[in-house]
Amino acid sequence: MTLLFVRHGESEGNARRIMQGWLDLPLSDVGHRQAEAVARRLARAGATRLYASPLRRAWQTAERIGEATGLPLEPVAGFREYGYGAVEGLTWDDAVARFGLTTGDWGSGKVPGEEGSSAFHARVTAAFEEVAERHRDDVAIVVAHGGTIARLVVHVLGAPIVAYLPFATPRNVSITAFAWDRDRVVLAGLNDACQLEGITAPVD
């Protein structure tokens, strides 16, 4: 089994450097080019299923992959991005000024409407384990979000729920791979974005 997790292409929110969460913004022009590049790369990956977060930036990326692979898209709400609550649409500096946040404050209840670390972890890992079990013997592609994929890396590596692993944050349309090794799922590839050569894009 191999699960190929693809972060969506650059969104309009990424280009504006705002916190998106469940804010449903489309891909930017660069994001559409990135999506086409990763679709070309995955056209011969041998995948049997294609899943995507229903948020528009992920769905639009997955549409390009679906066209290249011939696979229909299947939405999985569990793979949505972290819900940032009242700071969605703000820059990090604006969020800090309004709520007095530090990096360690996420999930602590300081932001009205925030999903919370435990709820996010439970949602994402439940969806992951279901899909992983379904694909023990084949390949599937999942288009999701930076926070979602980083959370799954934390989960598979066995780090604490609140752990922040800087190396786990994926670039737009990078591929992070998970695979079964006997009776457990392991990290098989991380943040592979070689298809982006020549395409302008921010790292985060």
N, C-alpha and C. Protein backbone atom coordinates (compact mmCIF):
# COMPACT_ATOMS: atom_id res chain seq x y z
N MET A 1 0.84 -1.20 0.00
CA MET A 1 0.00 0.00 0.00
C MET A 1 0.87 1.24 0.00
N THR A 2 0.48 2.18 -0.82
CA THR A 2 1.08 3.50 -0.76
C THR A 2 -0.03 4.54 -0.82
N LEU A 3 -0.02 5.46 0.14
CA LEU A 3 -0.92 6.61 0.10
C LEU A 3 -0.08 7.83 -0.25
N LEU A 4 -0.41 8.46 -1.35
CA LEU A 4 0.31 9.64 -1.82
C LEU A 4 -0.51 10.87 -1.44
N PHE A 5 -0.06 11.58 -0.42
CA PHE A 5 -0.75 12.80 0.02
C PHE A 5 -0.13 14.00 -0.68
N VAL A 6 -0.98 14.75 -1.37
CA VAL A 6 -0.55 15.92 -2.11
C VAL A 6 -1.13 17.17 -1.44
N ARG A 7 -0.28 18.11 -1.12
CA ARG A 7 -0.82 19.40 -0.65
C ARG A 7 -1.35 20.14 -1.88
N HIS A 8 -2.45 20.85 -1.70
CA HIS A 8 -3.04 21.62 -2.80
C HIS A 8 -2.06 22.63 -3.37
N GLY A 9 -2.34 23.11 -4.58
CA GLY A 9 -1.55 24.17 -5.17
C GLY A 9 -1.72 25.49 -4.44
N GLU A 10 -0.87 26.43 -4.78
CA GLU A 10 -0.96 27.75 -4.14
C GLU A 10 -2.37 28.31 -4.30
N SER A 11 -2.97 28.71 -3.20
CA SER A 11 -4.30 29.31 -3.23
C SER A 11 -4.18 30.84 -3.21
N GLU A 12 -5.29 31.50 -3.43
CA GLU A 12 -5.30 32.96 -3.31
C GLU A 12 -4.95 33.37 -1.89
N GLY A 13 -5.34 32.56 -0.92
CA GLY A 13 -5.00 32.85 0.47
C GLY A 13 -3.51 32.70 0.74
N ASN A 14 -2.88 31.65 0.15
CA ASN A 14 -1.43 31.51 0.28
C ASN A 14 -0.71 32.73 -0.31
N ALA A 15 -1.17 33.16 -1.48
CA ALA A 15 -0.54 34.29 -2.15
C ALA A 15 -0.67 35.57 -1.33
N ARG A 16 -1.76 35.70 -0.60
CA ARG A 16 -1.98 36.88 0.24
C ARG A 16 -1.42 36.72 1.64
N ARG A 17 -0.87 35.53 1.94
CA ARG A 17 -0.24 35.23 3.23
C ARG A 17 -1.23 35.34 4.39
N ILE A 18 -2.44 34.87 4.16
CA ILE A 18 -3.44 34.89 5.23
C ILE A 18 -3.69 33.48 5.74
N MET A 19 -4.28 33.40 6.92
CA MET A 19 -4.62 32.12 7.53
C MET A 19 -5.96 31.68 6.98
N GLN A 20 -6.00 30.50 6.37
CA GLN A 20 -7.20 30.07 5.67
C GLN A 20 -8.09 29.14 6.49
N GLY A 21 -7.53 28.04 6.97
CA GLY A 21 -8.37 27.08 7.67
C GLY A 21 -9.50 26.61 6.79
N TRP A 22 -10.74 26.83 7.25
CA TRP A 22 -11.91 26.43 6.47
C TRP A 22 -12.39 27.51 5.51
N LEU A 23 -11.68 28.63 5.44
CA LEU A 23 -12.00 29.66 4.46
C LEU A 23 -11.81 29.07 3.07
N ASP A 24 -12.83 29.14 2.24
CA ASP A 24 -12.85 28.34 1.01
C ASP A 24 -12.42 29.16 -0.20
N LEU A 25 -11.12 29.34 -0.35
CA LEU A 25 -10.58 30.15 -1.43
C LEU A 25 -10.06 29.26 -2.57
N PRO A 26 -10.11 29.76 -3.81
CA PRO A 26 -9.66 28.97 -4.95
C PRO A 26 -8.15 29.04 -5.14
N LEU A 27 -7.66 28.28 -6.10
CA LEU A 27 -6.26 28.34 -6.48
C LEU A 27 -5.94 29.67 -7.15
N SER A 28 -4.70 30.11 -6.99
CA SER A 28 -4.19 31.25 -7.74
C SER A 28 -3.78 30.76 -9.13
N ASP A 29 -3.35 31.68 -9.99
CA ASP A 29 -2.85 31.28 -11.30
C ASP A 29 -1.65 30.36 -11.16
N VAL A 30 -0.75 30.69 -10.23
CA VAL A 30 0.39 29.82 -9.98
C VAL A 30 -0.08 28.45 -9.49
N GLY A 31 -1.08 28.45 -8.63
CA GLY A 31 -1.61 27.19 -8.11
C GLY A 31 -2.16 26.28 -9.20
N HIS A 32 -2.81 26.87 -10.18
CA HIS A 32 -3.32 26.05 -11.29
C HIS A 32 -2.17 25.43 -12.07
N ARG A 33 -1.08 26.17 -12.28
CA ARG A 33 0.08 25.61 -12.98
C ARG A 33 0.73 24.51 -12.16
N GLN A 34 0.79 24.72 -10.85
CA GLN A 34 1.34 23.69 -9.97
C GLN A 34 0.49 22.41 -10.03
N ALA A 35 -0.81 22.59 -10.03
CA ALA A 35 -1.71 21.44 -10.07
C ALA A 35 -1.52 20.65 -11.36
N GLU A 36 -1.34 21.34 -12.46
CA GLU A 36 -1.09 20.66 -13.72
C GLU A 36 0.23 19.89 -13.70
N ALA A 37 1.24 20.48 -13.04
CA ALA A 37 2.55 19.82 -12.96
C ALA A 37 2.47 18.54 -12.14
N VAL A 38 1.81 18.59 -10.98
CA VAL A 38 1.74 17.38 -10.15
C VAL A 38 0.82 16.34 -10.79
N ALA A 39 -0.18 16.80 -11.53
CA ALA A 39 -1.06 15.86 -12.24
C ALA A 39 -0.28 15.08 -13.29
N ARG A 40 0.58 15.78 -14.02
CA ARG A 40 1.40 15.08 -15.02
C ARG A 40 2.29 14.04 -14.34
N ARG A 41 2.85 14.41 -13.21
CA ARG A 41 3.73 13.48 -12.50
C ARG A 41 2.98 12.24 -12.01
N LEU A 42 1.75 12.43 -11.53
CA LEU A 42 1.01 11.33 -10.93
C LEU A 42 0.19 10.52 -11.95
N ALA A 43 0.24 10.92 -13.20
CA ALA A 43 -0.59 10.26 -14.22
C ALA A 43 -0.30 8.77 -14.30
N ARG A 44 0.93 8.37 -14.02
CA ARG A 44 1.31 6.95 -14.12
C ARG A 44 1.69 6.37 -12.75
N ALA A 45 1.11 6.92 -11.70
CA ALA A 45 1.42 6.43 -10.35
C ALA A 45 0.76 5.09 -10.04
N GLY A 46 -0.17 4.67 -10.88
CA GLY A 46 -0.86 3.41 -10.66
C GLY A 46 -1.93 3.46 -9.58
N ALA A 47 -2.42 4.64 -9.29
CA ALA A 47 -3.44 4.80 -8.24
C ALA A 47 -4.77 4.21 -8.68
N THR A 48 -5.50 3.67 -7.70
CA THR A 48 -6.82 3.11 -7.97
C THR A 48 -7.95 3.99 -7.46
N ARG A 49 -7.64 4.92 -6.54
CA ARG A 49 -8.66 5.83 -6.00
C ARG A 49 -8.04 7.21 -5.83
N LEU A 50 -8.89 8.22 -5.90
CA LEU A 50 -8.47 9.61 -5.73
C LEU A 50 -9.42 10.29 -4.76
N TYR A 51 -8.86 10.72 -3.62
CA TYR A 51 -9.64 11.38 -2.58
C TYR A 51 -9.20 12.84 -2.47
N ALA A 52 -10.10 13.68 -1.96
CA ALA A 52 -9.73 15.08 -1.76
C ALA A 52 -10.55 15.70 -0.65
N SER A 53 -9.93 16.62 0.06
CA SER A 53 -10.68 17.52 0.93
C SER A 53 -11.68 18.28 0.06
N PRO A 54 -12.88 18.54 0.56
CA PRO A 54 -13.86 19.26 -0.24
C PRO A 54 -13.60 20.76 -0.35
N LEU A 55 -12.63 21.30 0.40
CA LEU A 55 -12.32 22.72 0.26
C LEU A 55 -11.78 23.00 -1.14
N ARG A 56 -12.17 24.15 -1.68
CA ARG A 56 -11.99 24.40 -3.10
C ARG A 56 -10.53 24.30 -3.57
N ARG A 57 -9.58 24.78 -2.78
CA ARG A 57 -8.19 24.75 -3.21
C ARG A 57 -7.68 23.32 -3.38
N ALA A 58 -8.14 22.42 -2.52
CA ALA A 58 -7.77 21.01 -2.67
C ALA A 58 -8.54 20.36 -3.81
N TRP A 59 -9.83 20.67 -3.90
CA TRP A 59 -10.67 20.05 -4.92
C TRP A 59 -10.21 20.43 -6.32
N GLN A 60 -9.85 21.71 -6.52
CA GLN A 60 -9.39 22.14 -7.84
C GLN A 60 -8.08 21.45 -8.21
N THR A 61 -7.20 21.26 -7.24
CA THR A 61 -5.95 20.53 -7.49
C THR A 61 -6.27 19.09 -7.87
N ALA A 62 -7.17 18.48 -7.12
CA ALA A 62 -7.54 17.09 -7.39
C ALA A 62 -8.22 16.93 -8.76
N GLU A 63 -8.94 17.93 -9.20
CA GLU A 63 -9.58 17.85 -10.52
C GLU A 63 -8.54 17.65 -11.61
N ARG A 64 -7.41 18.36 -11.52
CA ARG A 64 -6.35 18.20 -12.52
C ARG A 64 -5.77 16.78 -12.46
N ILE A 65 -5.60 16.26 -11.25
CA ILE A 65 -5.08 14.90 -11.10
C ILE A 65 -6.08 13.88 -11.63
N GLY A 66 -7.37 14.14 -11.39
CA GLY A 66 -8.40 13.26 -11.91
C GLY A 66 -8.40 13.21 -13.42
N GLU A 67 -8.19 14.36 -14.06
CA GLU A 67 -8.14 14.40 -15.52
C GLU A 67 -6.95 13.60 -16.05
N ALA A 68 -5.82 13.67 -15.32
CA ALA A 68 -4.60 12.99 -15.77
C ALA A 68 -4.66 11.48 -15.53
N THR A 69 -5.32 11.06 -14.47
CA THR A 69 -5.35 9.64 -14.10
C THR A 69 -6.61 8.92 -14.55
N GLY A 70 -7.65 9.68 -14.89
CA GLY A 70 -8.93 9.08 -15.23
C GLY A 70 -9.73 8.62 -14.03
N LEU A 71 -9.32 9.03 -12.83
CA LEU A 71 -10.01 8.60 -11.61
C LEU A 71 -11.05 9.63 -11.18
N PRO A 72 -12.22 9.18 -10.74
CA PRO A 72 -13.22 10.11 -10.20
C PRO A 72 -12.79 10.61 -8.82
N LEU A 73 -13.23 11.82 -8.48
CA LEU A 73 -12.89 12.39 -7.18
C LEU A 73 -13.87 11.93 -6.12
N GLU A 74 -13.34 11.63 -4.94
CA GLU A 74 -14.15 11.23 -3.81
C GLU A 74 -13.85 12.18 -2.64
N PRO A 75 -14.84 12.95 -2.19
CA PRO A 75 -14.58 13.88 -1.09
C PRO A 75 -14.45 13.17 0.25
N VAL A 76 -13.52 13.64 1.07
CA VAL A 76 -13.37 13.15 2.45
C VAL A 76 -13.27 14.37 3.35
N ALA A 77 -14.35 14.68 4.05
CA ALA A 77 -14.39 15.87 4.90
C ALA A 77 -13.35 15.82 6.01
N GLY A 78 -12.98 14.61 6.43
CA GLY A 78 -12.00 14.46 7.50
C GLY A 78 -10.63 15.00 7.16
N PHE A 79 -10.35 15.21 5.88
CA PHE A 79 -9.04 15.71 5.46
C PHE A 79 -9.02 17.23 5.26
N ARG A 80 -10.07 17.92 5.70
CA ARG A 80 -10.04 19.40 5.63
C ARG A 80 -8.90 19.94 6.49
N GLU A 81 -8.56 21.19 6.23
CA GLU A 81 -7.54 21.88 7.03
C GLU A 81 -8.05 22.12 8.45
N TYR A 82 -7.13 22.47 9.33
CA TYR A 82 -7.46 22.86 10.70
C TYR A 82 -8.40 24.06 10.68
N GLY A 83 -9.39 24.05 11.55
CA GLY A 83 -10.32 25.18 11.65
C GLY A 83 -9.76 26.25 12.57
N TYR A 84 -9.35 27.37 12.00
CA TYR A 84 -8.69 28.43 12.78
C TYR A 84 -9.67 29.41 13.44
N GLY A 85 -10.95 29.26 13.20
CA GLY A 85 -11.91 30.12 13.87
C GLY A 85 -11.81 31.57 13.44
N ALA A 86 -11.82 32.47 14.42
CA ALA A 86 -11.94 33.90 14.15
C ALA A 86 -10.73 34.52 13.46
N VAL A 87 -9.61 33.82 13.40
CA VAL A 87 -8.44 34.41 12.73
C VAL A 87 -8.40 34.07 11.25
N GLU A 88 -9.32 33.26 10.76
CA GLU A 88 -9.32 32.96 9.33
C GLU A 88 -9.53 34.24 8.53
N GLY A 89 -8.68 34.42 7.53
CA GLY A 89 -8.71 35.63 6.72
C GLY A 89 -7.73 36.69 7.19
N LEU A 90 -7.09 36.49 8.35
CA LEU A 90 -6.12 37.43 8.88
C LEU A 90 -4.70 36.97 8.57
N THR A 91 -3.76 37.90 8.51
CA THR A 91 -2.35 37.53 8.50
C THR A 91 -1.95 37.12 9.91
N TRP A 92 -0.81 36.44 10.02
CA TRP A 92 -0.33 36.05 11.35
C TRP A 92 -0.14 37.28 12.24
N ASP A 93 0.45 38.35 11.69
CA ASP A 93 0.68 39.56 12.48
C ASP A 93 -0.63 40.16 12.98
N ASP A 94 -1.65 40.14 12.13
CA ASP A 94 -2.97 40.66 12.55
C ASP A 94 -3.57 39.79 13.65
N ALA A 95 -3.39 38.47 13.53
CA ALA A 95 -3.92 37.55 14.54
C ALA A 95 -3.24 37.78 15.89
N VAL A 96 -1.92 37.98 15.85
CA VAL A 96 -1.18 38.24 17.08
C VAL A 96 -1.65 39.54 17.73
N ALA A 97 -1.83 40.57 16.90
CA ALA A 97 -2.25 41.87 17.44
C ALA A 97 -3.65 41.80 18.03
N ARG A 98 -4.54 41.06 17.41
CA ARG A 98 -5.92 41.02 17.86
C ARG A 98 -6.12 40.13 19.08
N PHE A 99 -5.41 39.00 19.13
CA PHE A 99 -5.66 38.01 20.18
C PHE A 99 -4.46 37.77 21.10
N GLY A 100 -3.33 38.44 20.85
CA GLY A 100 -2.16 38.26 21.70
C GLY A 100 -1.58 36.86 21.64
N LEU A 101 -1.54 36.27 20.47
CA LEU A 101 -1.14 34.86 20.32
C LEU A 101 0.37 34.68 20.28
N THR A 102 0.80 33.51 20.71
CA THR A 102 2.14 33.02 20.44
C THR A 102 2.00 31.71 19.67
N THR A 103 3.10 31.20 19.15
CA THR A 103 3.03 29.97 18.36
C THR A 103 2.41 28.82 19.15
N GLY A 104 2.66 28.76 20.44
CA GLY A 104 2.16 27.66 21.25
C GLY A 104 0.72 27.78 21.69
N ASP A 105 0.03 28.85 21.25
CA ASP A 105 -1.34 29.09 21.72
C ASP A 105 -2.41 28.36 20.92
N TRP A 106 -2.04 27.77 19.76
CA TRP A 106 -3.07 27.13 18.95
C TRP A 106 -3.69 25.96 19.72
N GLY A 107 -5.00 25.91 19.68
CA GLY A 107 -5.71 24.84 20.36
C GLY A 107 -5.96 25.09 21.83
N SER A 108 -5.55 26.25 22.32
CA SER A 108 -5.68 26.53 23.75
C SER A 108 -6.96 27.25 24.12
N GLY A 109 -7.77 27.63 23.12
CA GLY A 109 -9.03 28.31 23.40
C GLY A 109 -8.96 29.82 23.34
N LYS A 110 -7.80 30.37 22.95
CA LYS A 110 -7.68 31.82 22.87
C LYS A 110 -8.39 32.42 21.66
N VAL A 111 -8.60 31.59 20.65
CA VAL A 111 -9.25 32.09 19.42
C VAL A 111 -10.69 31.59 19.39
N PRO A 112 -11.66 32.48 19.34
CA PRO A 112 -13.06 32.04 19.27
C PRO A 112 -13.32 31.18 18.05
N GLY A 113 -13.98 30.04 18.26
CA GLY A 113 -14.35 29.18 17.14
C GLY A 113 -13.26 28.27 16.64
N GLU A 114 -12.08 28.29 17.26
CA GLU A 114 -10.98 27.43 16.82
C GLU A 114 -11.33 25.96 17.06
N GLU A 115 -10.91 25.10 16.14
CA GLU A 115 -11.26 23.68 16.24
C GLU A 115 -10.63 23.01 17.45
N GLY A 116 -9.39 23.28 17.73
CA GLY A 116 -8.69 22.65 18.84
C GLY A 116 -7.83 21.48 18.39
N SER A 117 -6.65 21.35 19.00
CA SER A 117 -5.67 20.35 18.56
C SER A 117 -6.20 18.92 18.69
N SER A 118 -6.84 18.60 19.79
CA SER A 118 -7.31 17.23 20.00
C SER A 118 -8.39 16.84 19.00
N ALA A 119 -9.33 17.76 18.76
CA ALA A 119 -10.41 17.48 17.80
C ALA A 119 -9.84 17.33 16.40
N PHE A 120 -8.90 18.18 16.04
CA PHE A 120 -8.28 18.11 14.71
C PHE A 120 -7.55 16.78 14.55
N HIS A 121 -6.76 16.42 15.54
CA HIS A 121 -6.00 15.17 15.48
C HIS A 121 -6.95 13.98 15.32
N ALA A 122 -8.01 13.96 16.12
CA ALA A 122 -8.95 12.84 16.06
C ALA A 122 -9.62 12.76 14.69
N ARG A 123 -10.03 13.88 14.15
CA ARG A 123 -10.71 13.91 12.85
C ARG A 123 -9.81 13.42 11.73
N VAL A 124 -8.61 13.98 11.67
CA VAL A 124 -7.69 13.67 10.57
C VAL A 124 -7.19 12.23 10.64
N THR A 125 -6.82 11.78 11.84
CA THR A 125 -6.29 10.42 11.95
C THR A 125 -7.37 9.36 11.72
N ALA A 126 -8.60 9.66 12.10
CA ALA A 126 -9.68 8.71 11.83
C ALA A 126 -9.87 8.52 10.33
N ALA A 127 -9.88 9.62 9.59
CA ALA A 127 -10.01 9.54 8.13
C ALA A 127 -8.81 8.80 7.53
N PHE A 128 -7.63 9.09 8.03
CA PHE A 128 -6.41 8.47 7.53
C PHE A 128 -6.42 6.95 7.74
N GLU A 129 -6.77 6.54 8.94
CA GLU A 129 -6.75 5.11 9.25
C GLU A 129 -7.78 4.34 8.42
N GLU A 130 -8.92 4.97 8.16
CA GLU A 130 -9.93 4.31 7.33
C GLU A 130 -9.42 4.12 5.90
N VAL A 131 -8.82 5.18 5.35
CA VAL A 131 -8.32 5.09 3.97
C VAL A 131 -7.13 4.14 3.89
N ALA A 132 -6.24 4.21 4.88
CA ALA A 132 -5.07 3.31 4.87
C ALA A 132 -5.50 1.85 4.91
N GLU A 133 -6.47 1.53 5.73
CA GLU A 133 -6.95 0.15 5.83
C GLU A 133 -7.57 -0.30 4.51
N ARG A 134 -8.24 0.60 3.84
CA ARG A 134 -8.89 0.29 2.56
C ARG A 134 -7.87 0.00 1.47
N HIS A 135 -6.67 0.56 1.61
CA HIS A 135 -5.67 0.45 0.54
C HIS A 135 -4.41 -0.26 1.00
N ARG A 136 -4.57 -1.37 1.67
CA ARG A 136 -3.41 -2.17 2.09
C ARG A 136 -2.64 -2.74 0.91
N ASP A 137 -3.32 -2.94 -0.21
CA ASP A 137 -2.69 -3.67 -1.31
C ASP A 137 -2.63 -2.87 -2.61
N ASP A 138 -2.88 -1.57 -2.56
CA ASP A 138 -2.81 -0.78 -3.78
C ASP A 138 -2.39 0.64 -3.47
N VAL A 139 -2.54 1.52 -4.43
CA VAL A 139 -2.09 2.91 -4.31
C VAL A 139 -3.28 3.85 -4.39
N ALA A 140 -3.31 4.84 -3.53
CA ALA A 140 -4.34 5.87 -3.57
C ALA A 140 -3.69 7.24 -3.45
N ILE A 141 -4.36 8.23 -4.02
CA ILE A 141 -3.90 9.63 -3.94
C ILE A 141 -4.90 10.40 -3.11
N VAL A 142 -4.39 11.25 -2.22
CA VAL A 142 -5.24 12.11 -1.40
C VAL A 142 -4.74 13.54 -1.53
N VAL A 143 -5.61 14.46 -1.91
CA VAL A 143 -5.25 15.87 -1.98
C VAL A 143 -5.80 16.57 -0.75
N ALA A 144 -4.91 17.16 0.02
CA ALA A 144 -5.31 17.74 1.30
C ALA A 144 -4.57 19.06 1.53
N HIS A 145 -4.24 19.34 2.78
CA HIS A 145 -3.73 20.65 3.20
C HIS A 145 -2.45 20.51 4.01
N GLY A 146 -1.72 21.61 4.11
CA GLY A 146 -0.46 21.59 4.83
C GLY A 146 -0.60 21.14 6.27
N GLY A 147 -1.57 21.69 6.98
CA GLY A 147 -1.77 21.32 8.37
C GLY A 147 -2.20 19.88 8.53
N THR A 148 -3.04 19.42 7.62
CA THR A 148 -3.52 18.03 7.65
C THR A 148 -2.37 17.05 7.45
N ILE A 149 -1.56 17.30 6.45
CA ILE A 149 -0.45 16.40 6.15
C ILE A 149 0.59 16.43 7.26
N ALA A 150 0.90 17.61 7.77
CA ALA A 150 1.85 17.72 8.89
C ALA A 150 1.34 16.95 10.11
N ARG A 151 0.03 17.01 10.35
CA ARG A 151 -0.55 16.29 11.48
C ARG A 151 -0.41 14.78 11.29
N LEU A 152 -0.55 14.30 10.06
CA LEU A 152 -0.41 12.87 9.80
C LEU A 152 1.03 12.41 9.96
N VAL A 153 1.98 13.26 9.60
CA VAL A 153 3.39 12.92 9.83
C VAL A 153 3.65 12.76 11.33
N VAL A 154 3.13 13.70 12.12
CA VAL A 154 3.25 13.60 13.58
C VAL A 154 2.65 12.29 14.08
N HIS A 155 1.48 11.96 13.56
CA HIS A 155 0.77 10.74 13.97
C HIS A 155 1.57 9.48 13.64
N VAL A 156 2.04 9.38 12.42
CA VAL A 156 2.74 8.18 11.98
C VAL A 156 4.09 8.03 12.69
N LEU A 157 4.75 9.15 12.98
CA LEU A 157 6.03 9.10 13.68
C LEU A 157 5.87 8.88 15.17
N GLY A 158 4.64 8.93 15.67
CA GLY A 158 4.40 8.68 17.08
C GLY A 158 4.76 9.83 17.99
N ALA A 159 4.82 11.05 17.44
CA ALA A 159 5.13 12.22 18.25
C ALA A 159 3.89 12.65 19.04
N PRO A 160 4.04 13.44 20.10
CA PRO A 160 2.88 13.91 20.86
C PRO A 160 1.92 14.72 20.00
N ILE A 161 0.65 14.71 20.35
CA ILE A 161 -0.37 15.42 19.59
C ILE A 161 -0.01 16.89 19.41
N VAL A 162 0.57 17.50 20.42
CA VAL A 162 0.86 18.94 20.37
C VAL A 162 2.20 19.24 19.70
N ALA A 163 2.89 18.21 19.22
CA ALA A 163 4.22 18.42 18.64
C ALA A 163 4.14 19.25 17.36
N TYR A 164 5.12 20.15 17.19
CA TYR A 164 5.27 20.89 15.95
C TYR A 164 6.59 20.46 15.33
N LEU A 165 6.53 19.85 14.17
CA LEU A 165 7.72 19.36 13.47
C LEU A 165 7.91 20.21 12.22
N PRO A 166 8.82 21.19 12.25
CA PRO A 166 8.97 22.10 11.10
C PRO A 166 9.20 21.39 9.77
N PHE A 167 9.94 20.28 9.81
CA PHE A 167 10.24 19.55 8.56
C PHE A 167 9.01 18.89 7.96
N ALA A 168 7.93 18.77 8.74
CA ALA A 168 6.74 18.08 8.26
C ALA A 168 5.81 18.98 7.44
N THR A 169 6.03 20.28 7.48
CA THR A 169 5.15 21.21 6.75
C THR A 169 5.45 21.13 5.25
N PRO A 170 4.49 20.69 4.44
CA PRO A 170 4.77 20.46 3.02
C PRO A 170 4.63 21.71 2.17
N ARG A 171 5.38 21.74 1.09
CA ARG A 171 5.22 22.80 0.08
C ARG A 171 3.94 22.54 -0.72
N ASN A 172 3.48 23.56 -1.41
CA ASN A 172 2.33 23.39 -2.29
C ASN A 172 2.64 22.32 -3.34
N VAL A 173 1.69 21.42 -3.54
CA VAL A 173 1.71 20.26 -4.44
C VAL A 173 2.89 19.31 -4.22
N SER A 174 3.54 19.40 -3.08
CA SER A 174 4.53 18.37 -2.76
C SER A 174 3.81 17.07 -2.41
N ILE A 175 4.53 15.97 -2.52
CA ILE A 175 3.97 14.64 -2.26
C ILE A 175 4.62 14.05 -1.01
N THR A 176 3.80 13.63 -0.07
CA THR A 176 4.25 12.92 1.12
C THR A 176 3.63 11.54 1.08
N ALA A 177 4.46 10.50 1.17
CA ALA A 177 3.99 9.13 0.96
C ALA A 177 4.01 8.34 2.27
N PHE A 178 2.97 7.54 2.46
CA PHE A 178 2.86 6.61 3.59
C PHE A 178 2.69 5.21 3.02
N ALA A 179 3.25 4.22 3.72
CA ALA A 179 3.16 2.84 3.22
C ALA A 179 3.04 1.87 4.40
N TRP A 180 2.43 0.72 4.13
CA TRP A 180 2.35 -0.34 5.13
C TRP A 180 3.69 -1.05 5.21
N ASP A 181 4.19 -1.25 6.42
CA ASP A 181 5.38 -2.07 6.67
C ASP A 181 4.97 -3.12 7.69
N ARG A 182 4.64 -4.32 7.19
CA ARG A 182 4.08 -5.38 8.02
C ARG A 182 2.76 -4.92 8.63
N ASP A 183 2.74 -4.67 9.94
CA ASP A 183 1.47 -4.36 10.58
C ASP A 183 1.32 -2.90 10.96
N ARG A 184 2.15 -2.01 10.40
CA ARG A 184 2.04 -0.60 10.74
C ARG A 184 2.29 0.27 9.52
N VAL A 185 1.79 1.48 9.58
CA VAL A 185 2.01 2.45 8.49
C VAL A 185 3.24 3.28 8.82
N VAL A 186 4.09 3.47 7.82
CA VAL A 186 5.32 4.24 8.01
C VAL A 186 5.38 5.39 7.02
N LEU A 187 6.23 6.35 7.33
CA LEU A 187 6.49 7.47 6.42
C LEU A 187 7.47 7.01 5.37
N ALA A 188 7.06 7.05 4.09
CA ALA A 188 7.89 6.53 3.01
C ALA A 188 8.49 7.63 2.14
N GLY A 189 7.98 8.85 2.26
CA GLY A 189 8.51 9.96 1.48
C GLY A 189 7.95 11.26 2.04
N LEU A 190 8.72 12.33 1.96
CA LEU A 190 8.31 13.58 2.61
C LEU A 190 8.59 14.79 1.74
N ASN A 191 7.54 15.56 1.46
CA ASN A 191 7.70 16.89 0.86
C ASN A 191 8.46 16.85 -0.46
N ASP A 192 8.13 15.91 -1.31
CA ASP A 192 8.78 15.75 -2.61
C ASP A 192 8.08 16.66 -3.62
N ALA A 193 8.79 17.68 -4.08
CA ALA A 193 8.18 18.65 -5.00
C ALA A 193 9.06 18.89 -6.22
N CYS A 194 9.73 17.86 -6.70
CA CYS A 194 10.66 18.05 -7.81
C CYS A 194 9.96 18.51 -9.09
N GLN A 195 8.65 18.27 -9.18
CA GLN A 195 7.92 18.67 -10.38
C GLN A 195 7.73 20.18 -10.48
N LEU A 196 8.10 20.92 -9.42
CA LEU A 196 7.86 22.36 -9.39
C LEU A 196 8.99 23.18 -10.01
N GLU A 197 10.01 22.55 -10.49
CA GLU A 197 11.13 23.30 -11.06
C GLU A 197 10.64 24.25 -12.15
N GLY A 198 10.97 25.53 -12.00
CA GLY A 198 10.58 26.52 -12.99
C GLY A 198 9.22 27.14 -12.74
N ILE A 199 8.49 26.71 -11.70
CA ILE A 199 7.19 27.29 -11.39
C ILE A 199 7.32 28.14 -10.13
N THR A 200 7.02 29.43 -10.23
CA THR A 200 7.15 30.33 -9.09
C THR A 200 6.15 29.98 -8.03
N ALA A 201 6.62 29.84 -6.78
CA ALA A 201 5.71 29.52 -5.68
C ALA A 201 6.39 29.78 -4.36
N PRO A 202 5.62 30.19 -3.34
CA PRO A 202 6.18 30.33 -2.00
C PRO A 202 6.39 28.96 -1.38
N VAL A 203 7.25 28.90 -0.37
CA VAL A 203 7.52 27.65 0.31
C VAL A 203 6.37 27.27 1.21
N ASP A 204 5.70 28.23 1.86
CA ASP A 204 4.65 27.87 2.80
C ASP A 204 3.33 28.53 2.48
